[in-house]
Protein backbone atom coordinates (compact mmCIF):
# COMPACT_ATOMS: atom_id res chain seq x y z
CA MET A 1 -13.34 -49.36 -15.94
CA ILE A 2 -10.32 -48.92 -14.31
CA PHE A 3 -9.02 -46.35 -16.99
CA LYS A 4 -12.31 -44.18 -15.60
CA ILE A 5 -11.39 -44.36 -12.47
CA MET A 6 -7.78 -43.67 -12.90
CA LYS A 7 -9.10 -40.32 -15.25
CA ASN A 8 -10.79 -38.86 -12.63
CA TYR A 9 -8.71 -39.43 -9.64
CA LEU A 10 -5.59 -38.15 -11.66
CA LYS A 11 -8.35 -35.14 -12.46
CA ARG A 12 -8.51 -34.50 -8.91
CA ILE A 13 -5.08 -34.64 -7.74
CA LEU A 14 -4.37 -32.12 -10.84
CA LEU A 15 -7.53 -29.70 -9.46
CA PHE A 16 -5.73 -30.11 -5.84
CA ILE A 17 -2.76 -28.87 -7.19
CA THR A 18 -3.79 -25.85 -9.13
CA PHE A 19 -4.91 -24.94 -6.43
CA LEU A 20 -2.08 -25.21 -3.59
CA THR A 21 -0.22 -23.23 -6.16
CA PHE A 22 -3.03 -20.38 -6.63
CA CYS A 23 -2.83 -20.10 -2.67
CA SER A 24 0.59 -20.19 -2.74
CA CYS A 25 1.31 -17.35 -4.78
CA LEU A 26 -0.92 -15.12 -3.41
CA HIS A 27 0.01 -12.00 -0.97
CA PRO A 28 -0.15 -12.77 2.07
CA LYS A 29 -2.20 -10.06 4.05
CA ASP A 30 -0.92 -10.58 7.70
CA HIS A 31 1.91 -8.19 6.64
CA ASN A 32 0.19 -5.17 5.87
CA GLY A 33 -1.56 -3.11 8.73
CA ASN A 34 -4.98 -2.19 9.02
CA VAL A 35 -5.68 0.94 7.36
CA LYS A 36 -8.72 3.45 8.11
CA ASN A 37 -10.12 7.07 8.39
CA ALA A 38 -7.54 7.30 5.13
CA TYR A 39 -8.06 10.67 3.89
CA TYR A 40 -7.01 13.35 2.26
CA GLU A 41 -6.78 17.36 1.44
CA THR A 42 -5.50 19.43 -1.78
CA TYR A 43 -3.78 22.71 -0.88
CA ASN A 44 -2.20 25.64 -2.60
CA VAL A 45 -0.17 28.34 -0.57
CA ALA A 46 2.52 30.83 -1.59
CA GLY A 47 3.94 29.05 -4.01
CA GLU A 48 3.21 25.37 -3.55
CA LYS A 49 0.96 22.69 -4.06
CA GLY A 50 0.41 19.35 -2.75
CA TYR A 51 -1.67 16.96 -0.10
CA LYS A 52 -2.16 16.87 3.33
CA VAL A 53 -2.82 12.98 3.75
CA TYR A 54 -4.04 11.27 7.36
CA PHE A 55 -4.39 7.67 8.09
CA GLU A 56 -4.55 5.39 10.86
CA THR A 57 -3.39 1.95 11.35
CA SER A 58 -4.12 -0.14 13.45
CA GLY A 59 -3.41 -4.54 14.33
CA ASN A 60 0.01 -6.07 13.56
CA ASP A 61 3.44 -4.72 13.70
CA ALA A 62 4.16 -3.78 10.08
CA ALA A 63 5.15 -0.19 10.10
CA PRO A 64 4.05 2.24 7.28
CA LYS A 65 7.35 3.39 5.51
CA ALA A 66 5.66 5.56 2.52
CA VAL A 67 2.49 6.69 0.99
CA VAL A 68 1.23 6.85 -2.59
CA LEU A 69 -1.28 9.33 -3.57
CA ASN A 70 -1.99 10.33 -7.27
CA ASN A 71 1.19 9.09 -8.69
CA LEU A 72 3.62 11.08 -5.97
CA ARG A 73 5.60 8.91 -3.69
CA ARG A 74 6.32 10.50 0.14
CA ASP A 75 8.43 8.92 2.56
CA ILE A 76 6.97 8.67 6.32
CA THR A 77 9.69 10.19 8.72
CA LYS A 78 9.59 9.79 12.81
CA TYR A 79 7.80 13.37 12.66
CA ASP A 80 4.43 12.42 10.40
CA GLY A 81 2.81 10.11 13.15
CA ALA A 82 2.32 8.78 16.47
CA GLU A 83 0.43 6.30 18.21
CA ARG A 84 -0.43 5.00 14.48
CA SER A 85 -2.21 7.82 13.40
CA TYR A 86 -0.25 10.14 10.78
CA GLN A 87 -0.48 13.47 8.78
CA LEU A 88 1.80 14.66 6.48
CA ASN A 89 2.57 16.83 3.67
CA ILE A 90 2.93 15.48 -0.17
CA ILE A 91 4.47 18.75 -2.20
CA SER A 92 3.77 18.05 -5.63
CA GLU A 93 4.31 21.79 -6.42
CA SER A 94 7.00 24.12 -4.84
CA SER A 95 8.41 27.59 -6.25
CA ASN A 96 9.82 28.13 -2.66
CA ILE A 97 12.23 25.05 -2.84
CA ALA A 98 15.04 25.39 -5.44
CA GLY A 99 15.16 22.70 -7.88
CA PHE A 100 12.07 20.48 -6.41
CA ARG A 101 10.76 17.52 -8.20
CA ALA A 102 8.57 15.46 -6.34
CA GLU A 103 8.81 11.71 -5.86
CA ARG A 104 7.41 9.77 -8.91
CA SER A 105 5.61 6.21 -8.48
CA ASP A 106 3.90 3.85 -10.58
CA LEU A 107 2.09 1.99 -7.74
CA GLU A 108 -2.04 2.91 -6.84
CA ASN A 109 -2.56 4.77 -4.06
CA GLY A 110 -1.62 3.01 -1.36
CA ILE A 111 0.82 2.59 1.72
CA ILE A 112 4.03 1.22 1.60
CA PHE A 113 4.51 -1.58 5.01
CA VAL A 114 7.64 -3.07 6.28
CA LYS A 115 7.60 -6.11 8.58
CA ASP A 116 10.68 -8.18 9.01
CA GLY A 117 13.27 -6.23 6.79
CA LYS A 118 10.45 -6.41 3.46
CA GLU A 119 8.90 -4.33 1.76
CA TYR A 120 4.33 -4.99 0.78
CA PHE A 121 2.55 -2.51 -0.58
CA GLN A 122 -1.51 -2.20 0.06
CA PRO A 123 -3.76 -0.09 -1.79
CA VAL A 124 -6.10 2.10 0.04
CA ASN A 125 -8.75 4.50 -0.70
CA PHE A 126 -7.63 7.94 0.07
CA VAL A 127 -11.11 10.17 0.22
CA LEU A 128 -10.66 13.74 -1.18
CA LYS A 129 -12.57 16.21 2.07
């Protein structure tokens, strides 16, 4: 009888420890900004191909650092956005820029945010317009 009670007690403790371990391994969501109105357009003009990307952020003070779209990465500069609204070009090919090579990334489509000196990746479903 006591053995059965102890067995149930141990099961509950192990289940609780497993739950705590799982929760501690989750990526904290509050570090990333909320992304809305994320879309992109393609362009092919005068020997240059790429994407025009638009998105807005809201929420906390996490700052967007880079955008990843179709395995291309582009860092965000201070000229790419104002008041949490961003518009930037991601060049994929260019015959106008000598020796141009697009920066590649293995990440899925999304935005890299920085908060307290740490980078956090947030997947984003950019809509093609």
